[in-house]
């Protein structure tokens, strides 16, 4: 999947992945896609809730060998 910006938050635990995502989205334009790479298992629920609360679209999430990849479209 194509993305406009990537954010590596591997090795960070809640709430840092969400805080860094929020900061990255501020610098992006509406409709752009942010790819987030995380290792915190709690980030799955965190990103789902974050998307619901902020109106940003969680396009997809996947997990491979303990690493989670999220694609989020800025509202």
Protein backbone atom coordinates (compact mmCIF):
# COMPACT_ATOMS: atom_id res chain seq x y z
CA UNK A 1 0.00 0.00 0.00
CA UNK A 2 1.25 3.48 -0.81
CA UNK A 3 1.81 5.98 1.96
CA UNK A 4 2.78 9.63 2.14
CA UNK A 5 4.73 9.39 5.39
CA UNK A 6 6.13 6.64 7.63
CA UNK A 7 6.37 6.57 11.42
CA UNK A 8 8.49 4.01 13.28
CA UNK A 9 7.35 3.58 16.88
CA UNK A 10 8.74 0.07 17.34
CA UNK A 11 9.97 -0.50 20.87
CA UNK A 12 7.72 2.20 22.34
CA UNK A 13 4.82 1.46 24.67
CA UNK A 14 1.51 3.18 25.27
CA UNK A 15 0.88 6.09 25.10
CA UNK A 16 3.94 7.04 23.00
CA UNK A 17 2.85 5.40 19.70
CA UNK A 18 -0.44 7.34 19.76
CA UNK A 19 1.20 10.60 20.81
CA UNK A 20 3.78 10.37 18.03
CA UNK A 21 1.07 9.47 15.51
CA UNK A 22 -0.99 12.47 16.56
CA UNK A 23 2.05 14.72 16.14
CA UNK A 24 2.82 13.27 12.68
CA UNK A 25 -0.74 13.73 11.47
CA UNK A 26 -0.63 17.46 12.32
CA UNK A 27 1.98 18.00 9.59
CA UNK A 28 -0.01 16.07 6.96
CA UNK A 29 -2.76 17.18 4.58
CA UNK A 30 -6.27 15.79 4.54
CA UNK A 31 -6.43 12.49 2.63
CA UNK A 32 -2.74 11.64 3.03
CA UNK A 33 -1.81 8.20 4.39
CA UNK A 34 0.49 7.54 7.33
CA UNK A 35 2.16 4.14 7.75
CA UNK A 36 2.88 3.30 11.40
CA UNK A 37 5.13 0.43 12.47
CA UNK A 38 4.73 -0.66 16.12
CA UNK A 39 5.60 -3.57 18.41
CA UNK A 40 3.31 -2.86 21.39
CA UNK A 41 0.45 -5.43 21.30
CA UNK A 42 -1.80 -2.87 23.02
CA UNK A 43 -1.40 -0.56 20.06
CA UNK A 44 -4.03 -2.51 18.08
CA UNK A 45 -6.84 -1.39 20.37
CA UNK A 46 -5.22 2.02 20.90
CA UNK A 47 -5.19 2.81 17.16
CA UNK A 48 -8.76 1.56 16.66
CA UNK A 49 -10.00 3.84 19.46
CA UNK A 50 -7.83 6.72 18.25
CA UNK A 51 -9.32 6.45 14.76
CA UNK A 52 -12.88 6.39 16.14
CA UNK A 53 -12.27 9.37 18.41
CA UNK A 54 -10.46 11.57 15.89
CA UNK A 55 -12.25 10.71 12.65
CA UNK A 56 -9.04 9.58 10.97
CA UNK A 57 -9.55 6.39 8.96
CA UNK A 58 -7.70 3.24 9.97
CA UNK A 59 -7.36 1.76 6.49
CA UNK A 60 -5.66 -1.46 7.52
CA UNK A 61 -3.70 -3.19 10.21
CA UNK A 62 -1.58 -6.30 9.98
CA UNK A 63 0.76 -8.26 12.19
CA UNK A 64 3.83 -10.22 11.23
CA UNK A 65 6.21 -11.75 13.77
CA UNK A 66 5.14 -9.43 16.58
CA UNK A 67 5.33 -6.29 14.47
CA UNK A 68 2.15 -4.36 13.72
CA UNK A 69 1.69 -2.19 10.65
CA UNK A 70 -1.11 0.37 10.51
CA UNK A 71 -2.19 2.56 7.61
CA UNK A 72 -4.16 5.63 8.63
CA UNK A 73 -5.71 8.24 6.36
CA UNK A 74 -5.89 11.76 7.77
CA UNK A 75 -9.39 13.19 7.88
